[in-house]
Amino acid sequence: MCGSQSGDNLAIATRQIDDERVRITRYDFSPGTETGWHRHEFPYAVVPLMDGVLRMVDAQGEKLVPLTAGVSYSRPAGVEHNVINAGTGAMAFVEVEMKA
C-alpha cells in the first residue's frame, strides 16, 4: 500500500517484511489519522491488533467499519481507498499483501 499524502495526519506505517512473496506492514493510527488515498497492487489481508472503528472512503462513498482484534478480513488487488481512524482511541492493524 502506498499513501499519496504527507504530513502529521498520516498513520505510521512500519514495513516488517518485503520479499518476493509477501509485503507485511503494521499501521498505527492515532484518532483521526489516515493512510491517504492509495491503490492496492496485490490481494491483501488485514489483521486488527485492537478493537476500533475505521472510516473507509472509496469511489462508492464512505462507511464506518468496526474491527475486532484478531478478526481478519481480505480484499482483492486493485482496491483504491483511504482509511481513517474514526474512533476516539488508538487503532493498529497488520496488513499482509500477497505477491505470489
PDB file of N, CA and C in Angstrom:
ATOM      1  N   MET A   1       0.858  -1.157   0.000  1.00  0.00           N
ATOM      2  CA  MET A   1       0.000   0.000   0.000  1.00  0.00           C
ATOM      3  C   MET A   1       0.903   1.217   0.000  1.00  0.00           C
ATOM      4  N   CYS A   2       0.498   2.187  -0.738  1.00  0.00           N
ATOM      5  CA  CYS A   2       1.329   3.387  -0.842  1.00  0.00           C
ATOM      6  C   CYS A   2       0.452   4.617  -0.703  1.00  0.00           C
ATOM      7  N   GLY A   3       0.611   5.366   0.365  1.00  0.00           N
ATOM      8  CA  GLY A   3      -0.181   6.563   0.584  1.00  0.00           C
ATOM      9  C   GLY A   3       0.259   7.686  -0.338  1.00  0.00           C
ATOM     10  N   SER A   4      -0.676   8.581  -0.661  1.00  0.00           N
ATOM     11  CA  SER A   4      -0.361   9.675  -1.576  1.00  0.00           C
ATOM     12  C   SER A   4      -0.354  11.030  -0.880  1.00  0.00           C
ATOM     13  N   GLN A   5      -0.460  11.049   0.434  1.00  0.00           N
ATOM     14  CA  GLN A   5      -0.453  12.298   1.175  1.00  0.00           C
ATOM     15  C   GLN A   5       0.759  12.324   2.088  1.00  0.00           C
ATOM     16  N   SER A   6       1.068  13.494   2.599  1.00  0.00           N
ATOM     17  CA  SER A   6       2.139  13.592   3.570  1.00  0.00           C
ATOM     18  C   SER A   6       1.706  14.537   4.673  1.00  0.00           C
ATOM     19  N   GLY A   7       2.368  14.446   5.817  1.00  0.00           N
ATOM     20  CA  GLY A   7       2.055  15.364   6.888  1.00  0.00           C
ATOM     21  C   GLY A   7       1.779  14.660   8.190  1.00  0.00           C
ATOM     22  N   ASP A   8       1.333  15.449   9.159  1.00  0.00           N
ATOM     23  CA  ASP A   8       1.115  14.950  10.508  1.00  0.00           C
ATOM     24  C   ASP A   8      -0.150  14.134  10.649  1.00  0.00           C
ATOM     25  N   ASN A   9      -1.028  14.136   9.661  1.00  0.00           N
ATOM     26  CA  ASN A   9      -2.300  13.442   9.777  1.00  0.00           C
ATOM     27  C   ASN A   9      -2.240  11.993   9.285  1.00  0.00           C
ATOM     28  N   LEU A  10      -1.057  11.495   8.970  1.00  0.00           N
ATOM     29  CA  LEU A  10      -0.934  10.139   8.446  1.00  0.00           C
ATOM     30  C   LEU A  10      -0.645   9.127   9.542  1.00  0.00           C
ATOM     31  N   ALA A  11      -1.215   7.950   9.374  1.00  0.00           N
ATOM     32  CA  ALA A  11      -0.897   6.827  10.244  1.00  0.00           C
ATOM     33  C   ALA A  11       0.582   6.482  10.073  1.00  0.00           C
ATOM     34  N   ILE A  12       1.149   5.823  11.052  1.00  0.00           N
ATOM     35  CA  ILE A  12       2.547   5.395  10.970  1.00  0.00           C
ATOM     36  C   ILE A  12       2.588   4.008  10.350  1.00  0.00           C
ATOM     37  N   ALA A  13       3.277   3.894   9.222  1.00  0.00           N
ATOM     38  CA  ALA A  13       3.415   2.624   8.518  1.00  0.00           C
ATOM     39  C   ALA A  13       4.820   2.084   8.769  1.00  0.00           C
ATOM     40  N   THR A  14       4.892   0.865   9.328  1.00  0.00           N
ATOM     41  CA  THR A  14       6.181   0.239   9.607  1.00  0.00           C
ATOM     42  C   THR A  14       6.285  -1.044   8.790  1.00  0.00           C
ATOM     43  N   ARG A  15       7.142  -1.030   7.783  1.00  0.00           N
ATOM     44  CA  ARG A  15       7.331  -2.200   6.930  1.00  0.00           C
ATOM     45  C   ARG A  15       8.088  -3.252   7.725  1.00  0.00           C
ATOM     46  N   GLN A  16       7.528  -4.453   7.831  1.00  0.00           N
ATOM     47  CA  GLN A  16       8.156  -5.530   8.591  1.00  0.00           C
ATOM     48  C   GLN A  16       8.857  -6.531   7.692  1.00  0.00           C
ATOM     49  N   ILE A  17       8.218  -6.888   6.577  1.00  0.00           N
ATOM     50  CA  ILE A  17       8.807  -7.828   5.616  1.00  0.00           C
ATOM     51  C   ILE A  17       8.412  -7.361   4.220  1.00  0.00           C
ATOM     52  N   ASP A  18       9.356  -7.430   3.285  1.00  0.00           N
ATOM     53  CA  ASP A  18       9.052  -7.153   1.882  1.00  0.00           C
ATOM     54  C   ASP A  18       9.987  -8.022   1.055  1.00  0.00           C
ATOM     55  N   ASP A  19       9.491  -9.214   0.692  1.00  0.00           N
ATOM     56  CA  ASP A  19      10.305 -10.139  -0.094  1.00  0.00           C
ATOM     57  C   ASP A  19       9.560 -10.521  -1.367  1.00  0.00           C
ATOM     58  N   GLU A  20       9.978 -11.575  -2.029  1.00  0.00           N
ATOM     59  CA  GLU A  20       9.374 -11.962  -3.305  1.00  0.00           C
ATOM     60  C   GLU A  20       7.952 -12.504  -3.148  1.00  0.00           C
ATOM     61  N   ARG A  21       7.547 -12.895  -1.929  1.00  0.00           N
ATOM     62  CA  ARG A  21       6.223 -13.497  -1.718  1.00  0.00           C
ATOM     63  C   ARG A  21       5.216 -12.593  -1.043  1.00  0.00           C
ATOM     64  N   VAL A  22       5.652 -11.824  -0.044  1.00  0.00           N
ATOM     65  CA  VAL A  22       4.714 -11.003   0.738  1.00  0.00           C
ATOM     66  C   VAL A  22       5.314  -9.656   1.101  1.00  0.00           C
ATOM     67  N   ARG A  23       4.420  -8.719   1.377  1.00  0.00           N
ATOM     68  CA  ARG A  23       4.804  -7.437   1.964  1.00  0.00           C
ATOM     69  C   ARG A  23       3.933  -7.290   3.213  1.00  0.00           C
ATOM     70  N   ILE A  24       4.564  -7.176   4.365  1.00  0.00           N
ATOM     71  CA  ILE A  24       3.841  -7.072   5.629  1.00  0.00           C
ATOM     72  C   ILE A  24       4.153  -5.725   6.263  1.00  0.00           C
ATOM     73  N   THR A  25       3.081  -4.979   6.559  1.00  0.00           N
ATOM     74  CA  THR A  25       3.226  -3.635   7.103  1.00  0.00           C
ATOM     75  C   THR A  25       2.297  -3.479   8.303  1.00  0.00           C
ATOM     76  N   ARG A  26       2.820  -2.911   9.364  1.00  0.00           N
ATOM     77  CA  ARG A  26       1.994  -2.566  10.524  1.00  0.00           C
ATOM     78  C   ARG A  26       1.610  -1.100  10.400  1.00  0.00           C
ATOM     79  N   TYR A  27       0.337  -0.805  10.635  1.00  0.00           N
ATOM     80  CA  TYR A  27      -0.173   0.562  10.616  1.00  0.00           C
ATOM     81  C   TYR A  27      -0.661   0.929  12.004  1.00  0.00           C
ATOM     82  N   ASP A  28      -0.172   2.056  12.528  1.00  0.00           N
ATOM     83  CA  ASP A  28      -0.595   2.584  13.824  1.00  0.00           C
ATOM     84  C   ASP A  28      -1.272   3.924  13.596  1.00  0.00           C
ATOM     85  N   PHE A  29      -2.521   4.016  14.054  1.00  0.00           N
ATOM     86  CA  PHE A  29      -3.347   5.197  13.856  1.00  0.00           C
ATOM     87  C   PHE A  29      -3.648   5.866  15.188  1.00  0.00           C
ATOM     88  N   SER A  30      -3.372   7.139  15.308  1.00  0.00           N
ATOM     89  CA  SER A  30      -3.926   7.959  16.380  1.00  0.00           C
ATOM     90  C   SER A  30      -5.331   8.333  15.923  1.00  0.00           C
ATOM     91  N   PRO A  31      -6.201   8.787  16.814  1.00  0.00           N
ATOM     92  CA  PRO A  31      -7.535   9.203  16.376  1.00  0.00           C
ATOM     93  C   PRO A  31      -7.445  10.245  15.262  1.00  0.00           C
ATOM     94  N   GLY A  32      -8.215  10.021  14.190  1.00  0.00           N
ATOM     95  CA  GLY A  32      -8.275  10.973  13.084  1.00  0.00           C
ATOM     96  C   GLY A  32      -7.192  10.825  12.039  1.00  0.00           C
ATOM     97  N   THR A  33      -6.164  10.011  12.277  1.00  0.00           N
ATOM     98  CA  THR A  33      -5.120   9.855  11.260  1.00  0.00           C
ATOM     99  C   THR A  33      -5.586   8.892  10.181  1.00  0.00           C
ATOM    100  N   GLU A  34      -4.903   8.927   9.045  1.00  0.00           N
ATOM    101  CA  GLU A  34      -5.339   8.179   7.868  1.00  0.00           C
ATOM    102  C   GLU A  34      -4.157   7.630   7.082  1.00  0.00           C
ATOM    103  N   THR A  35      -4.475   6.717   6.158  1.00  0.00           N
ATOM    104  CA  THR A  35      -3.439   6.177   5.286  1.00  0.00           C
ATOM    105  C   THR A  35      -3.149   7.110   4.123  1.00  0.00           C
ATOM    106  N   GLY A  36      -4.129   7.922   3.733  1.00  0.00           N
ATOM    107  CA  GLY A  36      -4.049   8.676   2.488  1.00  0.00           C
ATOM    108  C   GLY A  36      -4.571   7.783   1.358  1.00  0.00           C
ATOM    109  N   TRP A  37      -5.022   8.409   0.287  1.00  0.00           N
ATOM    110  CA  TRP A  37      -5.559   7.638  -0.844  1.00  0.00           C
ATOM    111  C   TRP A  37      -4.474   6.757  -1.442  1.00  0.00           C
ATOM    112  N   HIS A  38      -4.829   5.512  -1.728  1.00  0.00           N
ATOM    113  CA  HIS A  38      -3.872   4.558  -2.297  1.00  0.00           C
ATOM    114  C   HIS A  38      -4.627   3.444  -3.013  1.00  0.00           C
ATOM    115  N   ARG A  39      -3.915   2.734  -3.872  1.00  0.00           N
ATOM    116  CA  ARG A  39      -4.460   1.580  -4.598  1.00  0.00           C
ATOM    117  C   ARG A  39      -3.594   0.365  -4.274  1.00  0.00           C
ATOM    118  N   HIS A  40      -4.250  -0.749  -3.979  1.00  0.00           N
ATOM    119  CA  HIS A  40      -3.535  -1.981  -3.652  1.00  0.00           C
ATOM    120  C   HIS A  40      -3.119  -2.723  -4.917  1.00  0.00           C
ATOM    121  N   GLU A  41      -1.831  -2.946  -5.045  1.00  0.00           N
ATOM    122  CA  GLU A  41      -1.262  -3.649  -6.192  1.00  0.00           C
ATOM    123  C   GLU A  41      -1.492  -5.155  -6.093  1.00  0.00           C
ATOM    124  N   PHE A  42      -1.611  -5.673  -4.879  1.00  0.00           N
ATOM    125  CA  PHE A  42      -1.732  -7.107  -4.622  1.00  0.00           C
ATOM    126  C   PHE A  42      -2.974  -7.392  -3.769  1.00  0.00           C
ATOM    127  N   PRO A  43      -3.498  -8.635  -3.823  1.00  0.00           N
ATOM    128  CA  PRO A  43      -4.526  -9.013  -2.850  1.00  0.00           C
ATOM    129  C   PRO A  43      -3.922  -8.910  -1.454  1.00  0.00           C
ATOM    130  N   TYR A  44      -4.775  -8.647  -0.465  1.00  0.00           N
ATOM    131  CA  TYR A  44      -4.217  -8.443   0.868  1.00  0.00           C
ATOM    132  C   TYR A  44      -5.189  -8.894   1.948  1.00  0.00           C
ATOM    133  N   ALA A  45      -4.637  -9.129   3.135  1.00  0.00           N
ATOM    134  CA  ALA A  45      -5.413  -9.438   4.329  1.00  0.00           C
ATOM    135  C   ALA A  45      -5.015  -8.451   5.415  1.00  0.00           C
ATOM    136  N   VAL A  46      -5.985  -8.121   6.265  1.00  0.00           N
ATOM    137  CA  VAL A  46      -5.760  -7.205   7.381  1.00  0.00           C
ATOM    138  C   VAL A  46      -6.058  -7.949   8.678  1.00  0.00           C
ATOM    139  N   VAL A  47      -5.139  -7.835   9.638  1.00  0.00           N
ATOM    140  CA  VAL A  47      -5.303  -8.442  10.955  1.00  0.00           C
ATOM    141  C   VAL A  47      -5.332  -7.313  11.987  1.00  0.00           C
ATOM    142  N   PRO A  48      -6.519  -6.956  12.499  1.00  0.00           N
ATOM    143  CA  PRO A  48      -6.588  -5.914  13.521  1.00  0.00           C
ATOM    144  C   PRO A  48      -5.880  -6.352  14.806  1.00  0.00           C
ATOM    145  N   LEU A  49      -5.120  -5.457  15.396  1.00  0.00           N
ATOM    146  CA  LEU A  49      -4.415  -5.747  16.639  1.00  0.00           C
ATOM    147  C   LEU A  49      -5.200  -5.298  17.861  1.00  0.00           C
ATOM    148  N   MET A  50      -6.222  -4.472  17.635  1.00  0.00           N
ATOM    149  CA  MET A  50      -7.079  -3.998  18.725  1.00  0.00           C
ATOM    150  C   MET A  50      -8.437  -3.666  18.140  1.00  0.00           C
ATOM    151  N   ASP A  51      -9.420  -3.565  18.994  1.00  0.00           N
ATOM    152  CA  ASP A  51     -10.752  -3.158  18.558  1.00  0.00           C
ATOM    153  C   ASP A  51     -10.718  -1.692  18.149  1.00  0.00           C
ATOM    154  N   GLY A  52     -11.544  -1.333  17.175  1.00  0.00           N
ATOM    155  CA  GLY A  52     -11.629   0.057  16.758  1.00  0.00           C
ATOM    156  C   GLY A  52     -12.631   0.227  15.638  1.00  0.00           C
ATOM    157  N   VAL A  53     -12.780   1.457  15.191  1.00  0.00           N
ATOM    158  CA  VAL A  53     -13.679   1.779  14.084  1.00  0.00           C
ATOM    159  C   VAL A  53     -12.891   2.569  13.053  1.00  0.00           C
ATOM    160  N   LEU A  54     -12.924   2.084  11.814  1.00  0.00           N
ATOM    161  CA  LEU A  54     -12.267   2.783  10.719  1.00  0.00           C
ATOM    162  C   LEU A  54     -13.317   3.355   9.786  1.00  0.00           C
ATOM    163  N   ARG A  55     -13.012   4.509   9.202  1.00  0.00           N
ATOM    164  CA  ARG A  55     -13.835   5.076   8.138  1.00  0.00           C
ATOM    165  C   ARG A  55     -13.146   4.733   6.829  1.00  0.00           C
ATOM    166  N   MET A  56     -13.827   3.963   5.991  1.00  0.00           N
ATOM    167  CA  MET A  56     -13.305   3.583   4.684  1.00  0.00           C
ATOM    168  C   MET A  56     -13.957   4.483   3.640  1.00  0.00           C
ATOM    169  N   VAL A  57     -13.138   5.170   2.862  1.00  0.00           N
ATOM    170  CA  VAL A  57     -13.636   6.071   1.828  1.00  0.00           C
ATOM    171  C   VAL A  57     -13.139   5.547   0.485  1.00  0.00           C
ATOM    172  N   ASP A  58     -14.087   5.320  -0.453  1.00  0.00           N
ATOM    173  CA  ASP A  58     -13.711   4.869  -1.794  1.00  0.00           C
ATOM    174  C   ASP A  58     -14.620   5.540  -2.810  1.00  0.00           C
ATOM    175  N   ALA A  59     -14.553   5.115  -4.055  1.00  0.00           N
ATOM    176  CA  ALA A  59     -15.328   5.746  -5.122  1.00  0.00           C
ATOM    177  C   ALA A  59     -16.831   5.640  -4.887  1.00  0.00           C
ATOM    178  N   GLN A  60     -17.275   4.661  -4.119  1.00  0.00           N
ATOM    179  CA  GLN A  60     -18.699   4.477  -3.841  1.00  0.00           C
ATOM    180  C   GLN A  60     -19.183   5.327  -2.656  1.00  0.00           C
ATOM    181  N   GLY A  61     -18.276   5.963  -1.943  1.00  0.00           N
ATOM    182  CA  GLY A  61     -18.658   6.767  -0.794  1.00  0.00           C
ATOM    183  C   GLY A  61     -17.822   6.412   0.416  1.00  0.00           C
ATOM    184  N   GLU A  62     -18.445   6.500   1.589  1.00  0.00           N
ATOM    185  CA  GLU A  62     -17.714   6.160   2.803  1.00  0.00           C
ATOM    186  C   GLU A  62     -18.612   5.378   3.741  1.00  0.00           C
ATOM    187  N   LYS A  63     -17.970   4.560   4.580  1.00  0.00           N
ATOM    188  CA  LYS A  63     -18.715   3.788   5.569  1.00  0.00           C
ATOM    189  C   LYS A  63     -17.838   3.556   6.784  1.00  0.00           C
ATOM    190  N   LEU A  64     -18.487   3.405   7.930  1.00  0.00           N
ATOM    191  CA  LEU A  64     -17.778   3.067   9.154  1.00  0.00           C
ATOM    192  C   LEU A  64     -17.688   1.549   9.255  1.00  0.00           C
ATOM    193  N   VAL A  65     -16.496   1.076   9.589  1.00  0.00           N
ATOM    194  CA  VAL A  65     -16.252  -0.360   9.673  1.00  0.00           C
ATOM    195  C   VAL A  65     -15.689  -0.674  11.055  1.00  0.00           C
ATOM    196  N   PRO A  66     -16.487  -1.336  11.911  1.00  0.00           N
ATOM    197  CA  PRO A  66     -15.962  -1.742  13.215  1.00  0.00           C
ATOM    198  C   PRO A  66     -15.040  -2.948  13.049  1.00  0.00           C
ATOM    199  N   LEU A  67     -13.894  -2.920  13.715  1.00  0.00           N
ATOM    200  CA  LEU A  67     -12.940  -4.030  13.663  1.00  0.00           C
ATOM    201  C   LEU A  67     -12.758  -4.598  15.061  1.00  0.00           C
ATOM    202  N   THR A  68     -12.534  -5.901  15.107  1.00  0.00           N
ATOM    203  CA  THR A  68     -12.309  -6.611  16.357  1.00  0.00           C
ATOM    204  C   THR A  68     -10.912  -7.210  16.335  1.00  0.00           C
ATOM    205  N   ALA A  69     -10.177  -7.042  17.409  1.00  0.00           N
ATOM    206  CA  ALA A  69      -8.812  -7.577  17.495  1.00  0.00           C
ATOM    207  C   ALA A  69      -8.804  -9.050  17.124  1.00  0.00           C
ATOM    208  N   GLY A  70      -7.917  -9.420  16.207  1.00  0.00           N
ATOM    209  CA  GLY A  70      -7.737 -10.811  15.825  1.00  0.00           C
ATOM    210  C   GLY A  70      -8.710 -11.338  14.791  1.00  0.00           C
ATOM    211  N   VAL A  71      -9.711 -10.545  14.386  1.00  0.00           N
ATOM    212  CA  VAL A  71     -10.684 -10.986  13.382  1.00  0.00           C
ATOM    213  C   VAL A  71     -10.275 -10.375  12.033  1.00  0.00           C
ATOM    214  N   SER A  72      -9.704 -11.198  11.171  1.00  0.00           N
ATOM    215  CA  SER A  72      -9.108 -10.741   9.916  1.00  0.00           C
ATOM    216  C   SER A  72     -10.132 -10.636   8.788  1.00  0.00           C
ATOM    217  N   TYR A  73      -9.752  -9.880   7.757  1.00  0.00           N
ATOM    218  CA  TYR A  73     -10.534  -9.844   6.519  1.00  0.00           C
ATOM    219  C   TYR A  73      -9.567  -9.701   5.358  1.00  0.00           C
ATOM    220  N   SER A  74     -10.041 -10.017   4.147  1.00  0.00           N
ATOM    221  CA  SER A  74      -9.188  -9.892   2.966  1.00  0.00           C
ATOM    222  C   SER A  74      -9.938  -9.177   1.857  1.00  0.00           C
ATOM    223  N   ARG A  75      -9.158  -8.620   0.932  1.00  0.00           N
ATOM    224  CA  ARG A  75      -9.711  -7.897  -0.211  1.00  0.00           C
ATOM    225  C   ARG A  75      -8.827  -8.149  -1.429  1.00  0.00           C
ATOM    226  N   PRO A  76      -9.383  -7.977  -2.624  1.00  0.00           N
ATOM    227  CA  PRO A  76      -8.627  -8.247  -3.846  1.00  0.00           C
ATOM    228  C   PRO A  76      -7.677  -7.107  -4.208  1.00  0.00           C
ATOM    229  N   ALA A  77      -6.799  -7.387  -5.147  1.00  0.00           N
ATOM    230  CA  ALA A  77      -5.933  -6.344  -5.699  1.00  0.00           C
ATOM    231  C   ALA A  77      -6.797  -5.297  -6.397  1.00  0.00           C
ATOM    232  N   GLY A  78      -6.276  -4.082  -6.507  1.00  0.00           N
ATOM    233  CA  GLY A  78      -6.955  -3.022  -7.226  1.00  0.00           C
ATOM    234  C   GLY A  78      -7.825  -2.125  -6.373  1.00  0.00           C
ATOM    235  N   VAL A  79      -8.015  -2.474  -5.101  1.00  0.00           N
ATOM    236  CA  VAL A  79      -8.836  -1.647  -4.221  1.00  0.00           C
ATOM    237  C   VAL A  79      -8.175  -0.279  -4.065  1.00  0.00           C
ATOM    238  N   GLU A  80      -8.956   0.780  -4.283  1.00  0.00           N
ATOM    239  CA  GLU A  80      -8.455   2.146  -4.098  1.00  0.00           C
ATOM    240  C   GLU A  80      -9.310   2.817  -3.037  1.00  0.00           C
ATOM    241  N   HIS A  81      -8.646   3.335  -1.995  1.00  0.00           N
ATOM    242  CA  HIS A  81      -9.396   3.926  -0.890  1.00  0.00           C
ATOM    243  C   HIS A  81      -8.492   4.725   0.036  1.00  0.00           C
ATOM    244  N   ASN A  82      -9.136   5.351   1.025  1.00  0.00           N
ATOM    245  CA  ASN A  82      -8.453   5.998   2.130  1.00  0.00           C
ATOM    246  C   ASN A  82      -9.032   5.388   3.399  1.00  0.00           C
ATOM    247  N   VAL A  83      -8.192   5.130   4.390  1.00  0.00           N
ATOM    248  CA  VAL A  83      -8.610   4.511   5.649  1.00  0.00           C
ATOM    249  C   VAL A  83      -8.296   5.497   6.774  1.00  0.00           C
ATOM    250  N   ILE A  84      -9.313   5.807   7.588  1.00  0.00           N
ATOM    251  CA  ILE A  84      -9.191   6.816   8.640  1.00  0.00           C
ATOM    252  C   ILE A  84      -9.623   6.209   9.966  1.00  0.00           C
ATOM    253  N   ASN A  85      -8.882   6.479  11.030  1.00  0.00           N
ATOM    254  CA  ASN A  85      -9.299   6.038  12.355  1.00  0.00           C
ATOM    255  C   ASN A  85     -10.448   6.935  12.803  1.00  0.00           C
ATOM    256  N   ALA A  86     -11.659   6.374  12.848  1.00  0.00           N
ATOM    257  CA  ALA A  86     -12.845   7.130  13.223  1.00  0.00           C
ATOM    258  C   ALA A  86     -13.143   7.030  14.716  1.00  0.00           C
ATOM    259  N   GLY A  87     -12.335   6.282  15.447  1.00  0.00           N
ATOM    260  CA  GLY A  87     -12.561   6.107  16.871  1.00  0.00           C
ATOM    261  C   GLY A  87     -11.905   7.193  17.706  1.00  0.00           C
ATOM    262  N   THR A  88     -12.107   7.087  19.016  1.00  0.00           N
ATOM    263  CA  THR A  88     -11.538   8.065  19.943  1.00  0.00           C
ATOM    264  C   THR A  88     -10.218   7.603  20.545  1.00  0.00           C
ATOM    265  N   GLY A  89      -9.830   6.368  20.254  1.00  0.00           N
ATOM    266  CA  GLY A  89      -8.567   5.834  20.764  1.00  0.00           C
ATOM    267  C   GLY A  89      -7.668   5.383  19.643  1.00  0.00           C
ATOM    268  N   ALA A  90      -6.495   4.900  20.019  1.00  0.00           N
ATOM    269  CA  ALA A  90      -5.538   4.392  19.038  1.00  0.00           C
ATOM    270  C   ALA A  90      -6.099   3.157  18.341  1.00  0.00           C
ATOM    271  N   MET A  91      -5.623   2.898  17.134  1.00  0.00           N
ATOM    272  CA  MET A  91      -6.001   1.718  16.357  1.00  0.00           C
ATOM    273  C   MET A  91      -4.758   1.219  15.653  1.00  0.00           C
ATOM    274  N   ALA A  92      -4.631  -0.097  15.509  1.00  0.00           N
ATOM    275  CA  ALA A  92      -3.478  -0.664  14.790  1.00  0.00           C
ATOM    276  C   ALA A  92      -3.904  -1.947  14.103  1.00  0.00           C
ATOM    277  N   PHE A  93      -3.311  -2.186  12.944  1.00  0.00           N
ATOM    278  CA  PHE A  93      -3.502  -3.465  12.261  1.00  0.00           C
ATOM    279  C   PHE A  93      -2.247  -3.821  11.485  1.00  0.00           C
ATOM    280  N   VAL A  94      -2.158  -5.101  11.144  1.00  0.00           N
ATOM    281  CA  VAL A  94      -1.090  -5.598  10.283  1.00  0.00           C
ATOM    282  C   VAL A  94      -1.725  -5.952   8.940  1.00  0.00           C
ATOM    283  N   GLU A  95      -1.111  -5.462   7.876  1.00  0.00           N
ATOM    284  CA  GLU A  95      -1.580  -5.735   6.522  1.00  0.00           C
ATOM    285  C   GLU A  95      -0.595  -6.684   5.847  1.00  0.00           C
ATOM    286  N   VAL A  96      -1.110  -7.754   5.258  1.00  0.00           N
ATOM    287  CA  VAL A  96      -0.289  -8.732   4.558  1.00  0.00           C
ATOM    288  C   VAL A  96      -0.693  -8.729   3.098  1.00  0.00           C
ATOM    289  N   GLU A  97       0.187  -8.217   2.228  1.00  0.00           N
ATOM    290  CA  GLU A  97      -0.043  -8.204   0.792  1.00  0.00           C
ATOM    291  C   GLU A  97       0.616  -9.435   0.197  1.00  0.00           C
ATOM    292  N   MET A  98      -0.158 -10.204  -0.605  1.00  0.00           N
ATOM    293  CA  MET A  98       0.325 -11.464  -1.162  1.00  0.00           C
ATOM    294  C   MET A  98       0.775 -11.259  -2.603  1.00  0.00           C
ATOM    295  N   LYS A  99       2.078 -11.291  -2.813  1.00  0.00           N
ATOM    296  CA  LYS A  99       2.642 -11.036  -4.133  1.00  0.00           C
ATOM    297  C   LYS A  99       2.567 -12.242  -5.054  1.00  0.00           C
ATOM    298  N   ALA A 100       2.666 -13.433  -4.482  1.00  0.00           N
ATOM    299  CA  ALA A 100       2.694 -14.644  -5.303  1.00  0.00           C
ATOM    300  C   ALA A 100       1.423 -15.437  -5.121  1.00  0.00           C
TER     301      ALA A 100
END
